[in-house]
Amino acid sequence: MGSNINETLGVWSEWFMLLAAFTYLVAFVAFVWDMASHSKAIGDAERAAQRQNAVGREDSKELVGAGSRGGSVSASAAAPGRTVGHHGAHNGAVDNGSVAGEFRTTADARPKGADEFEALNYKDSVSRPAARAAVVVMGIAFVLHAFAVVARGIAADRVPWANMYEFCSTGALVVAGVYLVTLSFKDLRFVGPMVSGLVLLMLCAATIAFPTPVSPLPPALQSYWLVIHVSIAVAASGLFTITFAMAVLQLLQSRREKNAAAGEDTKLGFLRVVPNSTTLENFAFRLNSVGFVFWTFTLAAGAIWADQAWGRFWGWDTKEVWTFVIWTVYAAYMHARVTRGWNGNRSAWLSIAGYMCVVFNFTVVNVYFPGLHSYSGL
């Protein structure tokens, strides 16, 4: 009876995993649609402000010319950005008479720190229905995904991260969960396309590249350290995935800002809805700091587990070496940014390099390098 229930849960897990992947795809499309439509609205507002500014300057020139020929004109008439109402004068012109500053893009805005992210206000989402729909669909996908992972664990009668299929699917769940939790107090809808896209990619990799039937644990994994070591590693990988997405956006935004400062065509109009590169960098650094602490614990817990399983803390196994390489890259990132002033694109590239090491460790090392950690299940 119990065996039949486990088999049924295993099948349900696979079906719900596919359903979650499809729902993440819908969320991805909604996020992309919101980014495209919202950036277009901002672009239209900027162009309207520029046209209004140009008309105001022409009117100002005409008034000044008329005043020089026929006498003086009032100061209020010569200042196109100043309007007077029953509450007194209000200066609507900014940036040397331009109202374009009221519609500044993130590339033009004053650099802000990560603490200046605006809190997510769902009332603001009324004007952005696609964004609100994307967040709701992402939440539904997360629930379906969580059921699939839990069902897999119950069917296997263990924690569901003993092979690459389970690690990848659970890691994707953590990425989605961290994003949704962060979204509740930081407006990160701009990174929604990349996060939902990466989660979808991880689920596709799990189901297509690493399909693994439910199976018992190898003897070396039958330890409570599996829960401690691997769960923290999954959490760290989830954080590094989000910071990777933000580092890519930072590089794109930085290039756009440089083009705007040089008066060149900025292109990449969707970046209008993305915070400036400094804000992206600061917030990614905070998440990377947490991820680095998690990965440090992962490395230490793995050494303790290795001593219990094989009688030594360190044996230069390929998996152990690459775990240490990842720790070294992120340690260099933290050190260089804090003490050496490696800000801007250099810090973003270091963050991306660290994540590439994570991906290499999970895919190439697990599949092609034999060793004591060969638990891919393939």
Foldseek 3Di string as FASTA:
>chain_A
DLLVLLVVLLVLLVVLLVVLLVLLVVLLVLLVVLLVVVLVVLVVVLVVQVVVQVVLVVQLVVQVVVCVVPHHDDPQSNQSQWDADPVGIDRCADDVNGNSVVSDFLLPDDQDALVPFAFDDVVVCVVRVSLVVSLVSLVVSLVSLVSSQVSLCSSLVHHQDQALLSLLSVLLSLLSVVVNVVNNTGVPSLLSNQSSVVSSVSSCCSVPVQDFGRDHHDPLCPDPLVVVQSVLVSNLLSLLSSLLSLLVLLVLLVQLSVCVVVVHDSPPSSCSPPHHSNHSQNVSLVSLVVSLVSLVVNLQSCLVSCCVRPNGSDDPWVLNVLSVVLNVLSVCLNCCVPPVVPDGNSSSVSSNVSSVSVVCSSPVCQPPPDDPSNRNND
